[in-house]
Amino acid sequence: MLLPLTRSAFEPAPLHAVIADVPVPMLAHFGRLMSGEGWHVDLARMCLDRLYAYERIAQAHTSARAPLRDAALDLFAAYDRHAEGRWLQ
């Protein structure tokens, strides 16, 4: 005989996401500059996915626009200061 499922059986496991410690205004500025190039950036994903963040930063560094390249360097420095072990792998 099967027992009825309880509510706890339907609750998802807790997600222990770690958000990059990067200033939101810096991310927003970066996103606006990337949009100016026609490049989409998922700012929420930039906070959770290290590989994605570094790929977008590298892409920005290839821009012909100096403000975007500068923003990429500033953002890279901010991510670099973030503790390596705190990222989701």
Protein backbone atom coordinates (compact mmCIF):
# COMPACT_ATOMS: atom_id res chain seq x y z
CA MET A 1 0.00 0.00 0.00
CA LEU A 2 1.31 3.43 -0.96
CA LEU A 3 1.16 6.22 1.54
CA PRO A 4 -0.10 9.61 0.40
CA LEU A 5 2.64 12.10 -0.37
CA THR A 6 3.07 14.90 2.10
CA ARG A 7 3.65 18.50 1.18
CA SER A 8 7.32 18.20 2.06
CA ALA A 9 7.78 15.68 -0.75
CA PHE A 10 6.89 18.39 -3.25
CA GLU A 11 9.13 21.08 -1.82
CA PRO A 12 12.30 21.57 -3.83
CA ALA A 13 15.68 21.22 -2.23
CA PRO A 14 17.06 24.57 -1.13
CA LEU A 15 19.29 26.27 -3.63
CA HIS A 16 22.39 27.73 -2.09
CA ALA A 17 23.17 30.26 -4.76
CA VAL A 18 25.98 32.69 -4.17
CA ILE A 19 25.74 36.07 -5.75
CA ALA A 20 28.86 37.81 -6.95
CA ASP A 21 29.72 40.76 -4.76
CA VAL A 22 29.69 43.29 -7.59
CA PRO A 23 28.02 46.70 -7.30
CA VAL A 24 24.66 46.77 -9.06
CA PRO A 25 25.29 50.21 -10.62
CA MET A 26 28.50 48.84 -12.16
CA LEU A 27 26.60 45.89 -13.64
CA ALA A 28 23.82 48.16 -14.92
CA HIS A 29 26.33 50.50 -16.57
CA PHE A 30 28.06 47.53 -18.18
CA GLY A 31 24.71 46.24 -19.45
CA ARG A 32 23.83 49.61 -21.00
CA LEU A 33 27.20 49.83 -22.74
CA MET A 34 26.86 46.27 -24.04
CA SER A 35 23.37 47.09 -25.34
CA GLY A 36 24.89 50.03 -27.19
CA GLU A 37 27.01 47.52 -29.08
CA GLY A 38 23.97 45.35 -29.77
CA TRP A 39 25.16 42.67 -27.35
CA HIS A 40 22.65 41.20 -24.88
CA VAL A 41 23.77 40.61 -21.30
CA ASP A 42 21.73 38.75 -18.70
CA LEU A 43 22.67 40.75 -15.60
CA ALA A 44 21.17 38.23 -13.18
CA ARG A 45 23.22 35.46 -14.76
CA MET A 46 26.31 37.67 -14.49
CA CYS A 47 25.92 37.37 -10.71
CA LEU A 48 25.59 33.59 -10.63
CA ASP A 49 27.56 32.11 -13.52
CA ARG A 50 31.29 32.85 -13.46
CA LEU A 51 31.99 31.46 -16.93
CA TYR A 52 29.16 33.49 -18.47
CA ALA A 53 30.36 36.63 -16.69
CA TYR A 54 33.93 36.23 -17.89
CA GLU A 55 32.76 35.49 -21.45
CA ARG A 56 30.72 38.71 -21.52
CA ILE A 57 33.62 40.67 -20.03
CA ALA A 58 35.99 39.24 -22.67
CA GLN A 59 33.50 40.08 -25.40
CA ALA A 60 33.24 43.65 -24.09
CA HIS A 61 37.01 43.94 -24.14
CA THR A 62 36.95 43.38 -27.91
CA SER A 63 34.76 46.44 -28.45
CA ALA A 64 36.04 49.39 -30.44
CA ARG A 65 34.46 51.66 -27.82
CA ALA A 66 36.89 52.67 -25.06
CA PRO A 67 34.17 53.22 -22.42
CA LEU A 68 33.01 49.62 -22.81
CA ARG A 69 36.56 48.28 -22.67
CA ASP A 70 37.18 50.33 -19.53
CA ALA A 71 33.95 49.09 -17.96
CA ALA A 72 35.01 45.52 -18.77
CA LEU A 73 38.33 46.01 -16.99
CA ASP A 74 36.62 47.55 -13.96
CA LEU A 75 34.10 44.72 -13.85
CA PHE A 76 36.83 42.10 -14.20
CA ALA A 77 38.67 43.66 -11.25
CA ALA A 78 35.46 43.57 -9.19
CA TYR A 79 34.89 39.90 -10.05
CA ASP A 80 38.55 39.11 -9.38
CA ARG A 81 38.16 40.49 -5.84
CA HIS A 82 35.22 38.13 -5.30
CA ALA A 83 36.21 35.02 -3.38
CA GLU A 84 36.79 32.14 -5.80
CA GLY A 85 35.13 29.57 -3.56
CA ARG A 86 31.87 31.49 -3.36
CA TRP A 87 30.88 30.97 -7.02
CA LEU A 88 28.54 28.28 -8.20
CA GLN A 89 30.48 25.79 -10.26
